[in-house]
Amino acid sequence: MRVLVIAAHPDDEVFGCGGSIARHVGQGDEVHVLVVTRGVPELFPPAQIEETRREMRAAHNILGVTETRSLDFPAPRLDTVPGHEVADAIRRHFMELQPQVVYLPHRGDIHSDHRSVYYATLVAARPINGCSVYRLLSYETLSETEWAPPSGSDAFVPTVFVDINQYLDAKLEAAKCYHSQLKESPHPRSLEAITLQARLRGSTVNLLAAEAFMLVREIIK
């Protein structure tokens, strides 16, 4: 099976579904990551961007990611780009890679880039014209999903739980690669918070550790 993880920014993929990435790889699946944005130079100096990209490559190497791709749309200004341009760019990668399963950010995240990526991915993954995607799963990102507005339509309500107990250590090791993004506890982007979240999601369904997702669409033939 071929899996594509779509991230608005480097580190979203590890915080959101790093354990599931490692699990897919452990089961023999091919996992690709598509990062949609690149920091605008007036906010993120080139050296900082390159450092984050190095961290990303190191994290993906730990998880066993087959390939990492970047679209380089402006961050944090994705809302200034016409949505159809982002959707068309993502769809080109769908057509080339032919993934069956796609992970994407949650629509209610506080960061507008995440919301833009969510909707662009839905457009790109429309079940027409031979689109290969038959399962869409929305992941939660610490410091983005839990800080969203507390309204019903934006709430993250998990419907799919993936057992990552055997892969939690790999997720934590990958997260450690993002030195520039990690914070000290009790910040949600701390190793302790990542661990506690996995334990909490696991306990919900009688597992030692899990990642939670919202099923956006699944096509069973």
Protein backbone atom coordinates (compact mmCIF):
# COMPACT_ATOMS: atom_id res chain seq x y z
CA MET A 1 0.00 0.00 0.00
CA ARG A 2 1.16 3.53 -0.72
CA VAL A 3 0.52 6.24 1.87
CA LEU A 4 0.84 10.01 1.52
CA VAL A 5 1.08 12.28 4.56
CA ILE A 6 0.34 15.92 3.80
CA ALA A 7 1.75 18.52 6.19
CA ALA A 8 1.34 22.27 6.13
CA HIS A 9 4.77 22.70 7.75
CA PRO A 10 7.73 20.49 8.66
CA ASP A 11 7.06 18.79 12.03
CA ASP A 12 3.26 18.56 11.61
CA GLU A 13 3.68 15.08 10.17
CA VAL A 14 5.67 13.80 13.15
CA PHE A 15 3.53 15.44 15.83
CA GLY A 16 0.35 14.38 14.05
CA CYS A 17 1.00 10.87 12.85
CA GLY A 18 4.65 9.92 13.37
CA GLY A 19 3.68 6.69 15.10
CA SER A 20 1.34 5.70 12.29
CA ILE A 21 4.04 6.48 9.73
CA ALA A 22 6.42 4.13 11.53
CA ARG A 23 3.69 1.50 11.79
CA HIS A 24 2.95 1.69 8.05
CA VAL A 25 6.63 1.31 7.26
CA GLY A 26 6.92 -1.60 9.69
CA GLN A 27 4.06 -3.32 7.89
CA GLY A 28 5.76 -2.92 4.53
CA ASP A 29 3.83 0.10 3.25
CA GLU A 30 5.47 2.87 1.24
CA VAL A 31 5.11 6.25 2.93
CA HIS A 32 5.66 9.61 1.23
CA VAL A 33 5.43 13.04 2.88
CA LEU A 34 4.35 16.20 1.09
CA VAL A 35 5.15 19.49 2.86
CA VAL A 36 3.02 22.26 1.38
CA THR A 37 4.77 25.44 2.57
CA ARG A 38 8.12 27.12 3.03
CA GLY A 39 8.69 30.01 5.43
CA VAL A 40 8.70 33.45 3.84
CA PRO A 41 12.20 35.01 4.03
CA GLU A 42 11.13 38.16 5.88
CA LEU A 43 9.97 35.99 8.80
CA PHE A 44 12.22 32.94 8.47
CA PRO A 45 15.87 33.50 7.47
CA PRO A 46 17.25 31.00 4.94
CA ALA A 47 19.54 29.46 7.56
CA GLN A 48 16.58 28.77 9.82
CA ILE A 49 14.61 27.19 6.98
CA GLU A 50 17.52 24.96 6.03
CA GLU A 51 17.97 23.92 9.66
CA THR A 52 14.33 22.87 9.85
CA ARG A 53 14.65 20.97 6.56
CA ARG A 54 17.68 19.12 7.94
CA GLU A 55 15.72 18.25 11.05
CA MET A 56 12.87 17.02 8.87
CA ARG A 57 15.12 14.77 6.81
CA ALA A 58 16.62 13.29 9.97
CA ALA A 59 13.17 12.66 11.44
CA HIS A 60 11.94 11.02 8.25
CA ASN A 61 15.01 8.82 8.12
CA ILE A 62 14.18 7.51 11.60
CA LEU A 63 10.56 6.81 10.62
CA GLY A 64 11.51 5.16 7.32
CA VAL A 65 9.80 7.63 4.99
CA THR A 66 10.37 6.68 1.35
CA GLU A 67 10.45 10.21 -0.03
CA THR A 68 9.82 13.77 1.12
CA ARG A 69 8.48 16.38 -1.28
CA SER A 70 7.93 20.13 -0.88
CA LEU A 71 5.62 22.56 -2.66
CA ASP A 72 7.12 25.76 -1.16
CA PHE A 73 3.94 27.82 -0.93
CA PRO A 74 4.44 30.77 1.46
CA ALA A 75 4.11 30.21 5.22
CA PRO A 76 2.41 31.53 7.25
CA ARG A 77 0.59 33.12 4.33
CA LEU A 78 -1.05 30.21 2.57
CA ASP A 79 -4.38 32.02 2.82
CA THR A 80 -3.04 34.55 0.29
CA VAL A 81 -2.72 31.84 -2.38
CA PRO A 82 -5.80 30.91 -4.44
CA GLY A 83 -7.10 27.62 -3.13
CA HIS A 84 -7.28 26.04 -6.56
CA GLU A 85 -3.53 26.53 -7.03
CA VAL A 86 -2.77 24.61 -3.86
CA ALA A 87 -5.30 21.90 -4.74
CA ASP A 88 -3.92 21.54 -8.27
CA ALA A 89 -0.38 21.19 -6.93
CA ILE A 90 -1.43 18.51 -4.45
CA ARG A 91 -3.44 16.68 -7.07
CA ARG A 92 -0.42 16.46 -9.37
CA HIS A 93 1.34 14.50 -6.65
CA PHE A 94 -1.72 12.30 -6.19
CA MET A 95 -1.68 11.46 -9.88
CA GLU A 96 2.04 10.70 -9.82
CA LEU A 97 2.23 8.74 -6.56
CA GLN A 98 -1.22 7.09 -6.67
CA PRO A 99 -1.62 6.84 -2.88
CA GLN A 100 -4.44 4.80 -1.44
CA VAL A 101 -4.37 6.37 2.04
CA VAL A 102 -3.87 10.07 2.76
CA TYR A 103 -3.31 11.78 6.10
CA LEU A 104 -4.09 15.50 6.28
CA PRO A 105 -4.36 18.26 8.91
CA HIS A 106 -7.57 18.84 10.84
CA ARG A 107 -9.92 21.44 9.39
CA GLY A 108 -10.43 23.21 12.73
CA ASP A 109 -6.77 23.84 13.61
CA ILE A 110 -5.96 27.32 14.86
CA HIS A 111 -3.33 27.85 12.15
CA SER A 112 -4.89 29.07 8.91
CA ASP A 113 -2.27 27.19 6.86
CA HIS A 114 -3.61 23.92 8.26
CA ARG A 115 -7.15 24.82 7.30
CA SER A 116 -6.08 25.80 3.79
CA VAL A 117 -4.23 22.52 3.34
CA TYR A 118 -7.24 20.57 4.58
CA TYR A 119 -9.63 22.06 2.04
CA ALA A 120 -7.11 21.95 -0.80
CA THR A 121 -6.51 18.27 -0.10
CA LEU A 122 -10.23 17.53 -0.16
CA VAL A 123 -10.49 19.19 -3.55
CA ALA A 124 -7.47 17.29 -4.84
CA ALA A 125 -8.84 13.99 -3.50
CA ARG A 126 -12.27 14.21 -5.10
CA PRO A 127 -13.24 10.66 -6.11
CA ILE A 128 -13.30 11.39 -9.83
CA ASN A 129 -10.99 11.11 -12.83
CA GLY A 130 -9.24 8.04 -11.56
CA CYS A 131 -8.20 9.42 -8.17
CA SER A 132 -6.54 6.59 -6.25
CA VAL A 133 -7.32 7.84 -2.74
CA TYR A 134 -9.86 5.69 -0.94
CA ARG A 135 -9.17 6.66 2.68
CA LEU A 136 -8.71 10.17 4.11
CA LEU A 137 -7.71 10.57 7.75
CA SER A 138 -7.39 13.91 9.51
CA TYR A 139 -4.76 14.07 12.27
CA GLU A 140 -4.40 16.27 15.35
CA THR A 141 -1.35 18.46 15.84
CA LEU A 142 -0.32 19.47 19.34
CA SER A 143 -0.47 23.27 19.87
CA GLU A 144 -2.73 23.64 16.83
CA THR A 145 -5.72 21.32 17.18
CA GLU A 146 -6.40 21.73 20.89
CA TRP A 147 -6.24 25.53 20.64
CA ALA A 148 -8.90 25.77 17.95
CA PRO A 149 -12.19 27.60 18.57
CA PRO A 150 -14.44 25.50 20.84
CA SER A 151 -17.30 25.34 18.34
CA GLY A 152 -18.84 22.09 17.20
CA SER A 153 -17.78 22.20 13.58
CA ASP A 154 -14.13 22.88 14.47
CA ALA A 155 -13.80 20.33 17.27
CA PHE A 156 -11.55 17.35 16.77
CA VAL A 157 -13.72 14.29 17.40
CA PRO A 158 -11.61 11.15 16.92
CA THR A 159 -13.25 8.23 15.18
CA VAL A 160 -10.19 6.12 14.30
CA PHE A 161 -7.54 4.98 16.77
CA VAL A 162 -4.25 3.44 15.64
CA ASP A 163 -2.22 1.32 18.06
CA ILE A 164 1.29 2.82 18.12
CA ASN A 165 2.59 1.25 21.32
CA GLN A 166 5.38 -0.53 19.41
CA TYR A 167 6.18 2.68 17.52
CA LEU A 168 5.92 5.37 20.20
CA ASP A 169 9.69 5.30 20.78
CA ALA A 170 10.28 5.87 17.06
CA LYS A 171 7.86 8.82 17.11
CA LEU A 172 9.67 10.34 20.08
CA GLU A 173 13.07 9.85 18.45
CA ALA A 174 11.80 11.51 15.29
CA ALA A 175 10.36 14.39 17.31
CA LYS A 176 13.74 14.88 19.00
CA CYS A 177 15.19 15.66 15.57
CA TYR A 178 13.12 18.84 15.49
CA HIS A 179 15.35 20.65 17.97
CA SER A 180 14.13 24.04 16.78
CA GLN A 181 10.49 23.15 17.36
CA LEU A 182 10.50 21.22 20.65
CA LYS A 183 9.72 23.01 23.90
CA GLU A 184 10.05 22.21 27.58
CA SER A 185 7.15 20.64 29.45
CA PRO A 186 4.36 21.54 30.07
CA HIS A 187 4.31 23.08 26.57
CA PRO A 188 2.25 20.87 24.21
CA ARG A 189 5.23 20.58 21.87
CA SER A 190 7.28 18.76 24.47
CA LEU A 191 8.27 15.11 24.48
CA GLU A 192 6.29 14.63 27.67
CA ALA A 193 3.14 16.04 26.06
CA ILE A 194 3.58 13.81 23.01
CA THR A 195 3.86 10.79 25.29
CA LEU A 196 0.90 11.78 27.43
CA GLN A 197 -1.27 12.38 24.38
CA ALA A 198 -0.43 8.92 23.03
CA ARG A 199 -1.23 7.36 26.40
CA LEU A 200 -4.52 9.25 26.67
CA ARG A 201 -5.65 8.34 23.17
CA GLY A 202 -4.66 4.76 23.83
CA SER A 203 -6.54 4.54 27.12
CA THR A 204 -9.69 5.67 25.30
CA VAL A 205 -9.76 2.35 23.46
CA ASN A 206 -7.91 0.13 25.96
CA LEU A 207 -4.51 0.44 24.30
CA LEU A 208 -1.20 1.46 25.86
CA ALA A 209 -0.56 4.15 23.21
CA ALA A 210 -2.46 5.35 20.16
CA GLU A 211 -2.83 8.12 17.63
CA ALA A 212 -6.31 9.41 16.95
CA PHE A 213 -7.81 10.52 13.66
CA MET A 214 -11.05 11.74 12.18
CA LEU A 215 -12.18 9.69 9.22
CA VAL A 216 -13.03 12.15 6.45
CA ARG A 217 -13.96 9.60 3.80
CA GLU A 218 -13.48 5.92 3.08
CA ILE A 219 -14.43 4.13 -0.11
CA ILE A 220 -14.90 0.38 0.17
CA LYS A 221 -15.17 -1.43 -3.14
